[in-house]
Every structure is written in structure tokens, then in C-alpha cells.
Amino acid sequence: MGENVFVLVVGLGLAGCASQPGAPVADAKNRVVDIVNTTAAPLEFFAINAERSRAFRARMAEQTVAATYYATVNFDDQSGACLYNLFVSAASGATAETARFDVCREVAWVVTPDMLQ
């Protein structure tokens, strides 16, 4: 009888451990996005995780996107976030931005000349 109780207690304990939340795990969402520059000028690109508090927001994926070309960016920063604020600027000072761009659903952010202000 004692052995049966021990097995039951251990079995229930292990089942409880399996249902407890543990360390973050990969969610298998694709966060790869093409940043497409359709303008005649190179653009400086960066993004900020929109789901983090302001104190912890840092620029990521900073790079230059050549004129009439694209850059592929993987937004997986291990936070599980899908929403990013995207920014570009040209040497002329013109800028464009999109707030809360969903990198888990969209595959490209296309920057057109009429977006630059």
C-alpha cells in the first residue's frame, strides 16, 4: 500500500510540474520582413520594439537600405514581440515611419517616395 501512495504522489507531482509555466519558449512565428526601398536614395533604417516599456526600448536592425533595393531583417529579439515601430531617414533629412508594424503577419514594409516627409 505504501508503494502505491508513493507512486501516486510522485505521479501527481510530475503532472503538476508539466503544467507549470517555465522559461519562455520559441513560438515558431516568422519575424523575417523585407524592408523595400523604392526611392532613388539610400535610406537608414531602424526599428524599436513597440511592446516594451519606453525605458527598455532600444534600436535594433540598424542598417542602410540601398536605393531601389531591399534588406531582409529578422525581428526575433527573443522577447516574443510582434509589433515594432519602423523608421527610415534619407540624407536629405526626409523621414518615414510606421507605428506598431506587425512583423508576425506582414512580410514586407515598402517605403515609397510619397511616404518620405
Protein backbone atom coordinates (compact mmCIF):
# COMPACT_ATOMS: atom_id res chain seq x y z
CA MET A 1 0.00 0.00 0.00
CA GLY A 2 2.84 2.41 0.87
CA GLU A 3 4.41 1.96 -2.56
CA ASN A 4 1.13 2.77 -4.32
CA VAL A 5 0.74 6.00 -2.35
CA PHE A 6 4.33 7.00 -3.16
CA VAL A 7 3.81 6.34 -6.89
CA LEU A 8 0.55 8.32 -6.84
CA VAL A 9 2.17 11.30 -5.08
CA VAL A 10 5.20 11.31 -7.40
CA GLY A 11 2.97 10.94 -10.46
CA LEU A 12 0.74 13.84 -9.42
CA GLY A 13 3.78 15.96 -8.59
CA LEU A 14 5.31 15.40 -12.02
CA ALA A 15 2.00 16.13 -13.72
CA GLY A 16 1.82 19.42 -11.84
CA CYS A 17 5.32 20.35 -12.94
CA ALA A 18 4.45 19.69 -16.57
CA SER A 19 1.57 22.16 -16.44
CA GLN A 20 3.51 24.98 -14.77
CA PRO A 21 4.82 27.79 -16.93
CA GLY A 22 8.56 27.66 -17.32
CA ALA A 23 11.14 29.63 -19.22
CA PRO A 24 9.98 31.37 -22.41
CA VAL A 25 9.93 29.07 -25.40
CA ALA A 26 10.07 29.81 -29.09
CA ASP A 27 6.65 30.39 -30.57
CA ALA A 28 7.73 29.48 -34.12
CA LYS A 29 6.36 32.72 -35.60
CA ASN A 30 8.27 34.01 -38.58
CA ARG A 31 9.51 37.54 -37.86
CA VAL A 32 11.50 37.98 -41.07
CA VAL A 33 10.49 41.08 -43.04
CA ASP A 34 11.86 42.69 -46.20
CA ILE A 35 12.41 46.44 -45.92
CA VAL A 36 11.85 47.56 -49.52
CA ASN A 37 13.23 50.92 -50.65
CA THR A 38 11.50 52.10 -53.84
CA THR A 39 13.06 55.58 -53.62
CA ALA A 40 16.04 56.89 -55.58
CA ALA A 41 18.11 57.44 -52.41
CA PRO A 42 19.64 55.11 -49.83
CA LEU A 43 17.72 55.04 -46.55
CA GLU A 44 18.91 54.50 -42.99
CA PHE A 45 16.57 52.02 -41.32
CA PHE A 46 15.97 51.09 -37.70
CA ALA A 47 13.19 49.62 -35.60
CA ILE A 48 12.05 49.75 -31.99
CA ASN A 49 10.11 47.02 -30.21
CA ALA A 50 6.71 48.68 -29.63
CA GLU A 51 5.71 46.18 -26.96
CA ARG A 52 8.45 47.09 -24.49
CA SER A 53 8.18 49.90 -21.98
CA ARG A 54 9.93 53.08 -23.01
CA ALA A 55 12.76 52.51 -20.55
CA PHE A 56 13.75 49.26 -22.28
CA ARG A 57 13.28 50.26 -25.90
CA ALA A 58 16.46 50.03 -27.92
CA ARG A 59 17.10 50.49 -31.60
CA MET A 60 17.52 47.25 -33.48
CA ALA A 61 18.27 46.17 -37.02
CA GLU A 62 20.03 49.42 -37.86
CA GLN A 63 21.24 49.31 -41.45
CA THR A 64 21.31 51.13 -44.77
CA VAL A 65 18.89 50.04 -47.46
CA ALA A 66 20.26 50.90 -50.92
CA ALA A 67 18.15 52.86 -53.39
CA THR A 68 15.64 50.68 -55.25
CA TYR A 69 16.70 47.67 -53.23
CA TYR A 70 15.66 45.81 -50.07
CA ALA A 71 17.12 44.45 -46.87
CA THR A 72 15.85 41.35 -45.09
CA VAL A 73 15.53 41.74 -41.32
CA ASN A 74 14.83 39.08 -38.70
CA PHE A 75 12.98 40.80 -35.86
CA ASP A 76 13.25 37.89 -33.44
CA ASP A 77 14.77 39.55 -30.37
CA GLN A 78 13.74 36.65 -28.08
CA SER A 79 11.00 38.80 -26.49
CA GLY A 80 8.12 37.18 -28.38
CA ALA A 81 7.05 40.60 -29.64
CA CYS A 82 5.32 41.05 -32.98
CA LEU A 83 4.79 44.83 -33.03
CA TYR A 84 7.64 47.16 -33.98
CA ASN A 85 7.87 50.84 -34.84
CA LEU A 86 9.77 51.13 -38.14
CA PHE A 87 11.75 54.22 -39.20
CA VAL A 88 13.78 55.33 -42.22
CA SER A 89 15.61 58.55 -42.96
CA ALA A 90 17.26 59.87 -46.10
CA ALA A 91 20.40 62.02 -46.30
CA SER A 92 18.14 64.92 -47.29
CA GLY A 93 16.51 64.75 -43.86
CA ALA A 94 13.26 63.24 -45.12
CA THR A 95 11.82 60.53 -42.88
CA ALA A 96 9.09 57.91 -42.85
CA GLU A 97 7.75 55.77 -40.06
CA THR A 98 5.10 53.19 -39.36
CA ALA A 99 3.94 52.54 -35.82
CA ARG A 100 3.10 49.06 -34.50
CA PHE A 101 4.00 47.18 -37.69
CA ASP A 102 3.14 43.50 -37.16
CA VAL A 103 6.25 41.52 -38.15
CA CYS A 104 4.46 38.23 -37.39
CA ARG A 105 1.83 38.86 -40.07
CA GLU A 106 3.48 41.09 -42.68
CA VAL A 107 6.32 40.01 -44.95
CA ALA A 108 7.41 43.42 -46.30
CA TRP A 109 7.44 47.10 -45.43
CA VAL A 110 7.59 49.06 -48.69
CA VAL A 111 8.91 52.62 -48.48
CA THR A 112 7.73 54.76 -51.40
CA PRO A 113 8.83 58.30 -52.30
CA ASP A 114 5.46 59.74 -51.26
CA MET A 115 5.92 58.33 -47.71
CA LEU A 116 9.03 60.45 -47.10
CA GLN A 117 8.36 63.79 -45.42
